[in-house]
Amino acid sequence: MDSLHLKPTTNNGLVHNITPENAGWRYVGFDLHRLSAGQSANGATGDREVIIVIVEGKAHIKSSENDWGVLGDRMSVFEKTPPHSLYLPNDHEWEVEASTECTVAVCSAPGRRNYEPCLVGPDKINLTKRGQGVNTRYINNIAMEDLDICDSLLVTEVFTPAGNWSSYPSHRHDEDDFPRITYLEETYYHRLNPENGFGFQRVYTDDRSLDIAIPVEDGDVVLVPKGHHPCGAPYGFEMYYLNVMAGPLRKWRFLPAPEVEWILERDG
């Protein structure tokens, strides 16, 4: 892709289709479906694993060996309740049929067949405060490394109050040097409340060979192949994003940008 900033391609059906091939990287895939009641989407995991997240609405999900029933609860992400999700390993087919108008994310990464299909949340997902002052945000960890259910995927949600910052102090995870830092590609699926609002995300490296400021609107996706990637929500507009990360090691270790390292040291 020529740009790290992706707009929705349609209002209904497959809205985003991000693969390692078209993103120009190796690990993360992200599809987003917006479905009306009765519409369906389907796919096969192949040599990858997926976490299907019911972002909004309700949907009936089936996979190769299981009928998972109707999943989903919140009608808007800004209810901030934890989402219903499903993990599927390699070599599984899946089908999602919308019971209501719904938004469904299909997060994918290389799989190694080490885990079985399972429901993920909403139980044991607790909305957690992180940061302080205007760096306060709220996290729903869907499948981070403390949840041992998959080979590669890391998935989380972040709610940023109007006027606040998140993914901040600026940090990067773009080197494979554990435990100092891990290499993780990342996608941000953004939502705004009110939906006609906007926010900002900057993606930049320490040497500024990559340095772009992106005005994100409701439904946009930002790719983070490397570098720091802070987000800002203007006064009056609440920001949500769904993060998908993956790399050679399912660990989240990062380094702060030199200019903000003192903030981490001060705030702890």
Protein backbone atom coordinates (compact mmCIF):
# COMPACT_ATOMS: atom_id res chain seq x y z
CA MET A 1 0.00 0.00 0.00
CA ASP A 2 1.21 3.50 -0.84
CA SER A 3 -0.36 5.03 2.27
CA LEU A 4 -0.52 4.13 5.95
CA HIS A 5 -3.96 5.79 6.10
CA LEU A 6 -6.84 3.70 4.77
CA LYS A 7 -10.40 4.94 4.30
CA PRO A 8 -13.40 2.58 4.26
CA THR A 9 -14.01 1.25 0.76
CA THR A 10 -17.79 0.91 1.21
CA ASN A 11 -20.52 1.41 3.82
CA ASN A 12 -21.74 -2.19 3.67
CA GLY A 13 -20.00 -5.54 3.30
CA LEU A 14 -16.20 -5.85 3.35
CA VAL A 15 -15.11 -2.38 4.43
CA HIS A 16 -11.39 -3.03 4.98
CA ASN A 17 -9.23 -5.84 3.62
CA ILE A 18 -5.63 -5.67 4.86
CA THR A 19 -3.28 -8.58 4.22
CA PRO A 20 0.47 -8.98 4.71
CA GLU A 21 0.80 -8.89 0.92
CA ASN A 22 -1.03 -5.62 0.31
CA ALA A 23 0.30 -3.99 3.49
CA GLY A 24 3.90 -4.80 2.55
CA TRP A 25 4.71 -6.57 5.78
CA ARG A 26 4.81 -10.15 7.13
CA TYR A 27 2.34 -10.83 9.92
CA VAL A 28 -0.84 -8.82 10.53
CA GLY A 29 -4.09 -9.17 8.59
CA PHE A 30 -7.24 -7.18 9.31
CA ASP A 31 -10.65 -7.40 7.66
CA LEU A 32 -13.68 -5.40 8.70
CA HIS A 33 -17.25 -6.28 7.75
CA ARG A 34 -20.27 -4.02 8.23
CA LEU A 35 -23.38 -6.13 7.84
CA SER A 36 -27.11 -5.50 7.85
CA ALA A 37 -29.36 -8.01 9.61
CA GLY A 38 -29.44 -11.22 7.55
CA GLN A 39 -26.22 -10.52 5.68
CA SER A 40 -23.29 -12.88 6.11
CA ALA A 41 -19.52 -13.09 5.68
CA ASN A 42 -17.33 -16.17 5.59
CA GLY A 43 -13.78 -17.31 5.19
CA ALA A 44 -11.13 -19.91 5.93
CA THR A 45 -8.11 -19.50 8.18
CA GLY A 46 -5.71 -21.61 6.07
CA ASP A 47 -2.21 -21.29 7.50
CA ARG A 48 -3.27 -18.42 9.75
CA GLU A 49 -5.13 -18.01 13.04
CA VAL A 50 -7.94 -15.50 13.55
CA ILE A 51 -9.77 -13.70 16.30
CA ILE A 52 -13.23 -12.63 15.17
CA VAL A 53 -14.35 -9.62 17.21
CA ILE A 54 -18.00 -8.56 17.31
CA VAL A 55 -17.24 -4.85 17.45
CA GLU A 56 -20.91 -3.81 17.47
CA GLY A 57 -24.25 -5.59 17.19
CA LYS A 58 -25.06 -9.30 17.31
CA ALA A 59 -24.14 -12.12 14.94
CA HIS A 60 -24.52 -15.89 14.68
CA ILE A 61 -21.11 -17.54 14.20
CA LYS A 62 -20.37 -21.04 12.97
CA SER A 63 -17.01 -22.69 12.34
CA SER A 64 -15.89 -26.02 10.90
CA GLU A 65 -16.81 -28.07 13.95
CA ASN A 66 -18.94 -25.78 16.11
CA ASP A 67 -22.05 -23.63 16.17
CA TRP A 68 -21.15 -20.83 18.58
CA GLY A 69 -24.61 -19.32 18.61
CA VAL A 70 -25.40 -15.61 18.63
CA LEU A 71 -22.55 -13.51 20.00
CA GLY A 72 -22.46 -9.81 20.77
CA ASP A 73 -24.07 -7.45 23.20
CA ARG A 74 -23.15 -3.80 22.78
CA MET A 75 -24.79 -1.83 19.99
CA SER A 76 -22.13 0.89 20.07
CA VAL A 77 -18.44 0.63 20.90
CA PHE A 78 -18.86 3.71 23.07
CA GLU A 79 -20.90 1.71 25.56
CA LYS A 80 -17.40 0.52 26.56
CA THR A 81 -18.62 -2.93 27.59
CA PRO A 82 -16.27 -5.80 26.66
CA PRO A 83 -16.78 -7.40 23.24
CA HIS A 84 -17.59 -11.00 22.37
CA SER A 85 -14.83 -12.65 20.31
CA LEU A 86 -13.91 -16.07 18.91
CA TYR A 87 -10.45 -17.56 18.39
CA LEU A 88 -9.94 -20.04 15.53
CA PRO A 89 -6.62 -21.72 14.68
CA ASN A 90 -5.32 -22.90 11.29
CA ASP A 91 -7.49 -24.87 8.87
CA HIS A 92 -10.90 -23.73 10.06
CA GLU A 93 -13.77 -22.35 8.03
CA TRP A 94 -16.06 -19.76 9.57
CA GLU A 95 -19.32 -17.98 8.80
CA VAL A 96 -20.84 -14.91 10.45
CA GLU A 97 -24.52 -14.08 9.90
CA ALA A 98 -25.71 -10.74 11.25
CA SER A 99 -28.63 -10.95 13.67
CA THR A 100 -28.74 -7.15 13.87
CA GLU A 101 -26.83 -4.47 12.05
CA CYS A 102 -23.28 -5.27 13.14
CA THR A 103 -19.59 -4.57 12.70
CA VAL A 104 -17.25 -7.58 12.70
CA ALA A 105 -13.44 -7.50 12.71
CA VAL A 106 -11.40 -10.49 11.55
CA CYS A 107 -7.89 -10.20 12.99
CA SER A 108 -5.32 -12.63 11.62
CA ALA A 109 -1.67 -13.68 11.91
CA PRO A 110 0.45 -16.77 11.20
CA GLY A 111 -0.72 -19.81 13.17
CA ARG A 112 1.14 -22.91 14.30
CA ARG A 113 -1.81 -25.13 15.35
CA ASN A 114 -0.91 -25.04 19.04
CA TYR A 115 -4.33 -23.96 20.32
CA GLU A 116 -7.97 -25.02 20.07
CA PRO A 117 -10.96 -22.86 19.09
CA CYS A 118 -12.40 -20.90 22.01
CA LEU A 119 -14.66 -18.02 22.94
CA VAL A 120 -12.82 -14.93 24.15
CA GLY A 121 -14.70 -12.66 26.57
CA PRO A 122 -16.70 -10.82 27.57
CA ASP A 123 -16.11 -12.47 30.96
CA LYS A 124 -12.68 -11.74 32.43
CA ILE A 125 -12.28 -8.62 30.29
CA ASN A 126 -12.34 -5.60 32.59
CA LEU A 127 -12.23 -2.00 31.45
CA THR A 128 -8.96 -0.75 32.93
CA LYS A 129 -7.76 2.81 33.42
CA ARG A 130 -4.27 3.61 32.17
CA GLY A 131 -2.29 6.84 32.44
CA GLN A 132 -3.10 10.05 34.28
CA GLY A 133 -4.27 13.58 33.56
CA VAL A 134 -4.93 14.19 29.87
CA ASN A 135 -3.02 10.97 29.14
CA THR A 136 -5.82 8.92 30.77
CA ARG A 137 -7.41 6.24 28.57
CA TYR A 138 -9.34 3.02 29.15
CA ILE A 139 -8.39 -0.45 27.90
CA ASN A 140 -10.31 -3.65 27.10
CA ASN A 141 -7.58 -6.28 26.67
CA ILE A 142 -9.16 -8.90 24.40
CA ALA A 143 -6.14 -11.17 23.86
CA MET A 144 -2.86 -9.81 25.14
CA GLU A 145 0.07 -12.01 26.17
CA ASP A 146 -1.29 -12.81 29.64
CA LEU A 147 -4.11 -14.74 27.90
CA ASP A 148 -2.48 -17.88 26.50
CA ILE A 149 -4.90 -18.79 23.73
CA CYS A 150 -3.06 -18.25 20.44
CA ASP A 151 0.28 -18.37 18.65
CA SER A 152 0.79 -14.87 17.31
CA LEU A 153 -2.12 -12.48 17.78
CA LEU A 154 -2.34 -9.62 20.27
CA VAL A 155 -5.66 -7.76 20.26
CA THR A 156 -6.91 -4.89 22.44
CA GLU A 157 -9.35 -1.97 22.50
CA VAL A 158 -8.61 1.56 23.69
CA PHE A 159 -11.07 4.34 24.60
CA THR A 160 -9.60 7.86 24.66
CA PRO A 161 -11.72 10.59 26.30
CA ALA A 162 -12.22 13.83 24.38
CA GLY A 163 -9.21 16.09 24.71
CA ASN A 164 -6.87 13.27 25.78
CA TRP A 165 -3.91 11.38 24.34
CA SER A 166 -3.26 7.65 24.05
CA SER A 167 -0.60 5.32 22.69
CA TYR A 168 1.46 7.91 24.53
CA PRO A 169 4.14 8.61 25.69
CA SER A 170 5.28 7.79 22.17
CA HIS A 171 6.77 4.31 21.88
CA ARG A 172 7.90 1.84 19.26
CA HIS A 173 8.06 -1.95 18.91
CA ASP A 174 9.92 -2.45 15.65
CA GLU A 175 13.03 -4.51 16.50
CA ASP A 176 13.29 -8.23 17.20
CA ASP A 177 15.49 -8.03 20.29
CA PHE A 178 13.58 -9.59 23.20
CA PRO A 179 13.48 -8.80 26.10
CA ARG A 180 14.62 -5.24 25.26
CA ILE A 181 12.04 -4.78 22.50
CA THR A 182 9.88 -6.93 20.22
CA TYR A 183 8.96 -6.57 16.56
CA LEU A 184 5.20 -6.13 16.20
CA GLU A 185 3.30 -4.83 13.20
CA GLU A 186 0.10 -3.04 14.20
CA THR A 187 -3.21 -1.84 12.80
CA TYR A 188 -5.47 0.81 14.33
CA TYR A 189 -9.19 0.73 13.49
CA HIS A 190 -10.52 4.13 14.57
CA ARG A 191 -13.99 5.26 15.61
CA LEU A 192 -15.08 8.73 16.73
CA ASN A 193 -17.97 9.94 18.87
CA PRO A 194 -19.72 11.98 17.50
CA GLU A 195 -19.04 10.08 14.28
CA ASN A 196 -18.58 13.26 12.22
CA GLY A 197 -15.54 14.11 14.33
CA PHE A 198 -11.84 13.60 13.78
CA GLY A 199 -8.64 12.74 15.61
CA PHE A 200 -4.94 12.63 14.88
CA GLN A 201 -2.28 9.94 14.79
CA ARG A 202 1.39 10.54 14.13
CA VAL A 203 3.67 7.72 12.90
CA TYR A 204 7.36 8.58 13.09
CA THR A 205 10.79 7.05 13.56
CA ASP A 206 13.59 8.45 15.70
CA ASP A 207 15.55 9.55 12.63
CA ARG A 208 12.37 11.00 11.02
CA SER A 209 12.86 8.95 7.86
CA LEU A 210 9.18 8.17 8.44
CA ASP A 211 7.18 11.07 9.86
CA ILE A 212 3.52 11.58 8.99
CA ALA A 213 0.57 13.13 10.84
CA ILE A 214 -2.74 11.50 9.94
CA PRO A 215 -6.18 13.11 10.38
CA VAL A 216 -8.30 10.07 11.21
CA GLU A 217 -12.06 9.97 10.80
CA ASP A 218 -14.69 7.46 11.88
CA GLY A 219 -13.97 4.05 10.34
CA ASP A 220 -10.41 4.74 9.17
CA VAL A 221 -7.50 2.32 9.61
CA VAL A 222 -3.89 3.33 10.22
CA LEU A 223 -1.00 0.92 9.55
CA VAL A 224 2.02 1.05 11.84
CA PRO A 225 4.90 -0.87 10.23
CA LYS A 226 7.51 0.79 12.46
CA GLY A 227 8.12 3.80 14.62
CA HIS A 228 6.19 5.65 17.29
CA HIS A 229 2.43 6.10 16.90
CA PRO A 230 0.68 8.41 19.42
CA CYS A 231 -2.99 9.41 19.06
CA GLY A 232 -4.81 12.59 20.04
CA ALA A 233 -8.55 13.14 20.50
CA PRO A 234 -9.62 16.79 20.10
CA TYR A 235 -11.87 18.41 22.68
CA GLY A 236 -15.44 17.38 21.88
CA PHE A 237 -14.66 14.04 20.24
CA GLU A 238 -14.16 10.71 21.99
CA MET A 239 -11.85 8.24 20.25
CA TYR A 240 -11.97 4.44 20.11
CA TYR A 241 -9.54 2.11 18.39
CA LEU A 242 -9.12 -1.63 17.97
CA ASN A 243 -5.46 -2.70 17.84
CA VAL A 244 -4.16 -5.84 16.18
CA MET A 245 -0.47 -6.72 16.63
CA ALA A 246 1.67 -9.67 15.59
CA GLY A 247 5.30 -10.52 15.00
CA PRO A 248 7.79 -13.37 15.42
CA LEU A 249 7.23 -13.48 19.21
CA ARG A 250 3.93 -12.99 21.04
CA LYS A 251 5.35 -10.47 23.50
CA TRP A 252 4.68 -6.72 23.76
CA ARG A 253 7.93 -4.93 24.64
CA PHE A 254 8.55 -1.36 23.54
CA LEU A 255 10.98 1.54 23.77
CA PRO A 256 9.88 5.15 24.34
CA ALA A 257 10.79 7.98 22.04
CA PRO A 258 13.83 9.82 23.46
CA GLU A 259 11.96 13.11 23.74
CA VAL A 260 9.24 11.62 26.01
CA GLU A 261 11.26 9.13 28.06
CA TRP A 262 11.29 11.56 30.99
CA ILE A 263 7.49 11.44 31.15
CA LEU A 264 7.54 7.66 31.67
CA GLU A 265 10.19 8.07 34.36
CA ARG A 266 8.15 10.77 36.11
CA ASP A 267 4.76 9.08 35.91
CA GLY A 268 5.96 5.51 36.54
